[in-house]
C-alpha atoms as a PDB file:
ATOM      1  CA  MET A   1     -33.252  41.457   8.691  1.00  0.00           C
ATOM      2  CA  ASN A   2     -36.812  40.942   7.087  1.00  0.00           C
ATOM      3  CA  ALA A   3     -38.667  37.648   7.397  1.00  0.00           C
ATOM      4  CA  LEU A   4     -37.368  36.141   4.227  1.00  0.00           C
ATOM      5  CA  GLU A   5     -33.887  36.946   5.168  1.00  0.00           C
ATOM      6  CA  GLN A   6     -34.408  35.386   8.601  1.00  0.00           C
ATOM      7  CA  LEU A   7     -35.835  32.521   7.059  1.00  0.00           C
ATOM      8  CA  HIS A   8     -33.049  31.988   4.738  1.00  0.00           C
ATOM      9  CA  SER A   9     -30.543  32.420   7.558  1.00  0.00           C
ATOM     10  CA  ASP A  10     -32.273  29.757   9.608  1.00  0.00           C
ATOM     11  CA  ILE A  11     -32.368  27.483   6.576  1.00  0.00           C
ATOM     12  CA  ASP A  12     -28.700  28.158   5.734  1.00  0.00           C
ATOM     13  CA  ALA A  13     -27.774  27.330   9.373  1.00  0.00           C
ATOM     14  CA  ARG A  14     -29.537  24.020   9.181  1.00  0.00           C
ATOM     15  CA  VAL A  15     -27.725  23.107   5.884  1.00  0.00           C
ATOM     16  CA  LYS A  16     -24.470  24.041   7.354  1.00  0.00           C
ATOM     17  CA  ASN A  17     -24.856  21.810  10.124  1.00  0.00           C
ATOM     18  CA  ILE A  18     -25.742  18.951   8.195  1.00  0.00           C
ATOM     19  CA  ARG A  19     -22.879  19.428   5.671  1.00  0.00           C
ATOM     20  CA  ASP A  20     -20.481  19.858   8.615  1.00  0.00           C
ATOM     21  CA  ASN A  21     -21.554  16.640  10.326  1.00  0.00           C
ATOM     22  CA  TYR A  22     -21.919  14.757   7.064  1.00  0.00           C
ATOM     23  CA  PRO A  23     -19.191  15.775   4.529  1.00  0.00           C
ATOM     24  CA  ASP A  24     -20.439  13.188   1.999  1.00  0.00           C
ATOM     25  CA  TRP A  25     -23.781  14.819   1.719  1.00  0.00           C
ATOM     26  CA  LEU A  26     -24.988  14.586  -1.765  1.00  0.00           C
ATOM     27  CA  CYS A  27     -26.687  18.021  -2.112  1.00  0.00           C
ATOM     28  CA  ARG A  28     -24.017  20.350  -3.726  1.00  0.00           C
ATOM     29  CA  GLN A  29     -23.132  22.088  -7.051  1.00  0.00           C
ATOM     30  CA  GLY A  30     -23.127  19.510  -9.862  1.00  0.00           C
ATOM     31  CA  CYS A  31     -25.805  17.240  -8.134  1.00  0.00           C
ATOM     32  CA  ASP A  32     -28.831  18.711 -10.038  1.00  0.00           C
ATOM     33  CA  GLY A  33     -31.285  15.816 -10.135  1.00  0.00           C
ATOM     34  CA  CYS A  34     -33.850  17.632  -8.235  1.00  0.00           C
ATOM     35  CA  CYS A  35     -33.578  20.611 -10.638  1.00  0.00           C
ATOM     36  CA  ARG A  36     -33.883  18.176 -13.799  1.00  0.00           C
ATOM     37  CA  ARG A  37     -36.919  16.321 -12.199  1.00  0.00           C
ATOM     38  CA  LEU A  38     -39.451  18.909 -10.753  1.00  0.00           C
ATOM     39  CA  ALA A  39     -42.879  17.443 -10.115  1.00  0.00           C
ATOM     40  CA  GLU A  40     -44.495  20.645 -10.803  1.00  0.00           C
ATOM     41  CA  ILE A  41     -43.858  24.405 -11.794  1.00  0.00           C
ATOM     42  CA  PRO A  42     -42.379  25.951  -8.709  1.00  0.00           C
ATOM     43  CA  SER A  43     -44.591  28.316  -6.580  1.00  0.00           C
ATOM     44  CA  LEU A  44     -43.161  31.271  -4.877  1.00  0.00           C
ATOM     45  CA  THR A  45     -44.416  33.926  -2.478  1.00  0.00           C
ATOM     46  CA  SER A  46     -44.484  37.576  -3.666  1.00  0.00           C
ATOM     47  CA  ALA A  47     -41.331  38.128  -1.322  1.00  0.00           C
ATOM     48  CA  GLU A  48     -39.533  35.221  -2.999  1.00  0.00           C
ATOM     49  CA  TRP A  49     -40.560  36.381  -6.339  1.00  0.00           C
ATOM     50  CA  LEU A  50     -39.181  39.907  -5.709  1.00  0.00           C
ATOM     51  CA  LEU A  51     -35.724  38.360  -4.672  1.00  0.00           C
ATOM     52  CA  LEU A  52     -35.815  35.962  -7.752  1.00  0.00           C
ATOM     53  CA  ARG A  53     -36.607  38.833 -10.122  1.00  0.00           C
ATOM     54  CA  GLU A  54     -33.613  40.803  -8.878  1.00  0.00           C
ATOM     55  CA  GLY A  55     -31.464  37.670  -9.666  1.00  0.00           C
ATOM     56  CA  LEU A  56     -33.143  37.327 -13.133  1.00  0.00           C
ATOM     57  CA  ALA A  57     -32.636  40.965 -13.969  1.00  0.00           C
ATOM     58  CA  ALA A  58     -28.937  40.811 -12.972  1.00  0.00           C
ATOM     59  CA  LEU A  59     -28.199  38.042 -15.537  1.00  0.00           C
ATOM     60  CA  PRO A  60     -26.304  38.774 -18.535  1.00  0.00           C
ATOM     61  CA  THR A  61     -28.617  39.668 -21.587  1.00  0.00           C
ATOM     62  CA  GLU A  62     -28.226  36.231 -23.538  1.00  0.00           C
ATOM     63  CA  VAL A  63     -28.410  34.180 -20.199  1.00  0.00           C
ATOM     64  CA  PHE A  64     -31.765  36.168 -19.367  1.00  0.00           C
ATOM     65  CA  LYS A  65     -33.221  35.342 -22.802  1.00  0.00           C
ATOM     66  CA  GLU A  66     -32.532  31.884 -22.560  1.00  0.00           C
ATOM     67  CA  VAL A  67     -34.073  31.527 -19.028  1.00  0.00           C
ATOM     68  CA  ALA A  68     -36.988  33.619 -20.164  1.00  0.00           C
ATOM     69  CA  GLN A  69     -37.544  31.290 -23.062  1.00  0.00           C
ATOM     70  CA  GLY A  70     -37.390  28.383 -20.645  1.00  0.00           C
ATOM     71  CA  ILE A  71     -39.938  29.894 -18.203  1.00  0.00           C
ATOM     72  CA  THR A  72     -42.214  30.808 -21.084  1.00  0.00           C
ATOM     73  CA  ALA A  73     -42.024  27.221 -22.545  1.00  0.00           C
ATOM     74  CA  LEU A  74     -42.778  25.788 -18.998  1.00  0.00           C
ATOM     75  CA  ALA A  75     -46.094  27.618 -18.837  1.00  0.00           C
ATOM     76  CA  GLN A  76     -47.066  25.664 -21.833  1.00  0.00           C
ATOM     77  CA  GLN A  77     -45.697  22.236 -20.867  1.00  0.00           C
ATOM     78  CA  THR A  78     -48.194  19.774 -19.716  1.00  0.00           C
ATOM     79  CA  SER A  79     -45.939  16.677 -19.326  1.00  0.00           C
ATOM     80  CA  ARG A  80     -44.033  16.159 -15.842  1.00  0.00           C
ATOM     81  CA  PRO A  81     -41.360  16.105 -14.574  1.00  0.00           C
ATOM     82  CA  VAL A  82     -40.028  19.599 -15.838  1.00  0.00           C
ATOM     83  CA  VAL A  83     -36.532  20.917 -15.802  1.00  0.00           C
ATOM     84  CA  CYS A  84     -35.963  24.182 -13.804  1.00  0.00           C
ATOM     85  CA  PRO A  85     -35.474  26.894 -16.556  1.00  0.00           C
ATOM     86  CA  MET A  86     -32.994  28.599 -14.171  1.00  0.00           C
ATOM     87  CA  LEU A  87     -30.684  25.506 -14.279  1.00  0.00           C
ATOM     88  CA  ASP A  88     -27.296  25.788 -16.373  1.00  0.00           C
ATOM     89  CA  LEU A  89     -27.520  22.385 -17.688  1.00  0.00           C
ATOM     90  CA  SER A  90     -23.758  22.220 -18.745  1.00  0.00           C
ATOM     91  CA  GLN A  91     -22.571  23.151 -15.213  1.00  0.00           C
ATOM     92  CA  GLY A  92     -25.440  21.553 -13.200  1.00  0.00           C
ATOM     93  CA  ALA A  93     -25.765  24.804 -11.233  1.00  0.00           C
ATOM     94  CA  CYS A  94     -28.439  27.335 -10.663  1.00  0.00           C
ATOM     95  CA  ARG A  95     -28.026  30.523 -12.503  1.00  0.00           C
ATOM     96  CA  VAL A  96     -29.637  32.564  -9.715  1.00  0.00           C
ATOM     97  CA  TYR A  97     -28.358  30.497  -6.792  1.00  0.00           C
ATOM     98  CA  ALA A  98     -28.363  33.504  -4.267  1.00  0.00           C
ATOM     99  CA  HIS A  99     -31.829  34.454  -5.264  1.00  0.00           C
ATOM    100  CA  ARG A 100     -33.345  30.881  -5.390  1.00  0.00           C
ATOM    101  CA  PRO A 101     -36.789  30.127  -3.822  1.00  0.00           C
ATOM    102  CA  VAL A 102     -37.093  28.603  -0.306  1.00  0.00           C
ATOM    103  CA  ALA A 103     -38.062  25.195  -1.834  1.00  0.00           C
ATOM    104  CA  CYS A 104     -34.808  24.995  -3.599  1.00  0.00           C
ATOM    105  CA  ARG A 105     -32.984  25.982  -0.477  1.00  0.00           C
ATOM    106  CA  THR A 106     -34.723  23.214   1.698  1.00  0.00           C
ATOM    107  CA  TYR A 107     -34.642  20.307  -0.776  1.00  0.00           C
ATOM    108  CA  GLY A 108     -32.742  17.597   0.519  1.00  0.00           C
ATOM    109  CA  PHE A 109     -32.249  18.960   3.959  1.00  0.00           C
ATOM    110  CA  TYR A 110     -35.938  19.198   5.182  1.00  0.00           C
ATOM    111  CA  VAL A 111     -38.788  16.789   5.189  1.00  0.00           C
ATOM    112  CA  GLN A 112     -42.594  16.865   5.682  1.00  0.00           C
ATOM    113  CA  ARG A 113     -44.521  14.798   8.224  1.00  0.00           C
ATOM    114  CA  ASP A 114     -45.696  11.536   6.771  1.00  0.00           C
ATOM    115  CA  LYS A 115     -43.844  12.189   3.492  1.00  0.00           C
ATOM    116  CA  GLY A 116     -40.611  10.637   1.784  1.00  0.00           C
ATOM    117  CA  LEU A 117     -37.455  12.623   1.268  1.00  0.00           C
ATOM    118  CA  TYR A 118     -38.203  12.728  -2.445  1.00  0.00           C
ATOM    119  CA  CYS A 119     -34.617  12.464  -3.478  1.00  0.00           C
ATOM    120  CA  LYS A 120     -34.097   8.563  -4.104  1.00  0.00           C
ATOM    121  CA  ASP A 121     -30.417   8.807  -3.547  1.00  0.00           C
ATOM    122  CA  ILE A 122     -30.619  10.480  -0.188  1.00  0.00           C
ATOM    123  CA  GLU A 123     -33.636   8.013   0.723  1.00  0.00           C
ATOM    124  CA  THR A 124     -31.317   5.015  -0.155  1.00  0.00           C
ATOM    125  CA  ARG A 125     -28.594   6.406   2.163  1.00  0.00           C
ATOM    126  CA  GLU A 126     -31.061   7.098   4.934  1.00  0.00           C
ATOM    127  CA  THR A 127     -32.590   3.498   4.501  1.00  0.00           C
ATOM    128  CA  ASN A 128     -29.038   2.032   4.590  1.00  0.00           C
ATOM    129  CA  GLY A 129     -28.479   3.798   7.873  1.00  0.00           C
ATOM    130  CA  ASP A 130     -25.680   5.951   6.572  1.00  0.00           C
ATOM    131  CA  TRP A 131     -27.353   9.118   7.994  1.00  0.00           C
ATOM    132  CA  VAL A 132     -29.179   7.778  11.047  1.00  0.00           C
ATOM    133  CA  GLY A 133     -28.127  10.811  13.157  1.00  0.00           C
ATOM    134  CA  VAL A 134     -29.365  13.440  10.813  1.00  0.00           C
ATOM    135  CA  VAL A 135     -31.553  16.170  12.357  1.00  0.00           C
ATOM    136  CA  TRP A 136     -33.817  16.913   9.472  1.00  0.00           C
ATOM    137  CA  GLY A 137     -35.357  20.332   8.937  1.00  0.00           C
ATOM    138  CA  ASN A 138     -39.250  20.570   9.429  1.00  0.00           C
ATOM    139  CA  HIS A 139     -40.849  21.400   6.196  1.00  0.00           C
ATOM    140  CA  ASP A 140     -44.205  22.133   7.692  1.00  0.00           C
ATOM    141  CA  THR A 141     -42.554  24.948   9.828  1.00  0.00           C
ATOM    142  CA  ILE A 142     -41.005  26.323   6.690  1.00  0.00           C
ATOM    143  CA  ASP A 143     -44.459  26.408   5.021  1.00  0.00           C
ATOM    144  CA  ARG A 144     -46.046  28.178   7.994  1.00  0.00           C
ATOM    145  CA  ARG A 145     -43.235  30.812   7.939  1.00  0.00           C
ATOM    146  CA  LEU A 146     -43.892  31.357   4.238  1.00  0.00           C
ATOM    147  CA  GLN A 147     -47.570  32.063   4.653  1.00  0.00           C
ATOM    148  CA  PRO A 148     -47.132  35.683   5.692  1.00  0.00           C
ATOM    149  CA  LEU A 149     -44.698  36.558   2.779  1.00  0.00           C
ATOM    150  CA  GLY A 150     -47.455  37.359   0.453  1.00  0.00           C
ATOM    151  CA  GLU A 151     -49.596  35.777  -2.250  1.00  0.00           C
ATOM    152  CA  THR A 152     -48.220  32.485  -3.625  1.00  0.00           C
ATOM    153  CA  ARG A 153     -48.166  31.945  -7.442  1.00  0.00           C
ATOM    154  CA  GLU A 154     -46.536  29.793  -9.934  1.00  0.00           C
ATOM    155  CA  LEU A 155     -43.219  31.093 -11.339  1.00  0.00           C
ATOM    156  CA  THR A 156     -44.607  31.212 -14.848  1.00  0.00           C
ATOM    157  CA  GLU A 157     -47.571  33.443 -13.574  1.00  0.00           C
ATOM    158  CA  TRP A 158     -45.170  35.824 -11.664  1.00  0.00           C
ATOM    159  CA  PHE A 159     -43.012  36.008 -14.784  1.00  0.00           C
ATOM    160  CA  ALA A 160     -45.603  36.585 -17.398  1.00  0.00           C
ATOM    161  CA  GLU A 161     -46.936  39.648 -15.190  1.00  0.00           C
ATOM    162  CA  TRP A 162     -43.339  40.924 -15.085  1.00  0.00           C
ATOM    163  CA  MET A 163     -42.809  40.854 -18.738  1.00  0.00           C
ATOM    164  CA  GLY A 164     -46.226  42.277 -19.434  1.00  0.00           C
END
C-alpha cells in the first residue's frame, strides 16, 4: 500500500468510526453544502492529482466535458465561494468520489487546532452538545502526511497542464 492509499485507509477508518457511533451524522451523499461553498480552489498534491486524473479520465465523455468546462471556468472565477466542478448538482454527489482529494475525505470529520469546524450545521450540533463524545481527526497530522506526496498546486493548474 502506498502512502496515499494508507492515508485514505486511515481517514476511512476515522470516518467509519464516527458514522458507526453517530448514525445521524450529517456528512453523506446528498449533503453537498461543503461542495457548493468552497472557500477557494482545491489544492492537491501530485499524488492526489494522479488519482483524481484517473477518475476524471474514466468519466463518460459528456460528463467529462461538463466537468472540464467547470474546472476551466473556475480558473477565471474571482468571486467566492466556488462550487466544486466535480459535483453532480442534481444528485448532490461527487462524480469522482473514489478518486476525490484528501480535503474532501476529511471535511466534516477532522479539525485543525484553533480553527472551527467550518460546516455550520456540524458546529451547531457540536455546540448543542449532540456530539460531545466525537473523537475528531487531527487535520494538522493529515497536512504533515500530505507533505511528502509531491508538489501541491491548485486543481485548475493541474488540469490546465494535463489538457495542454
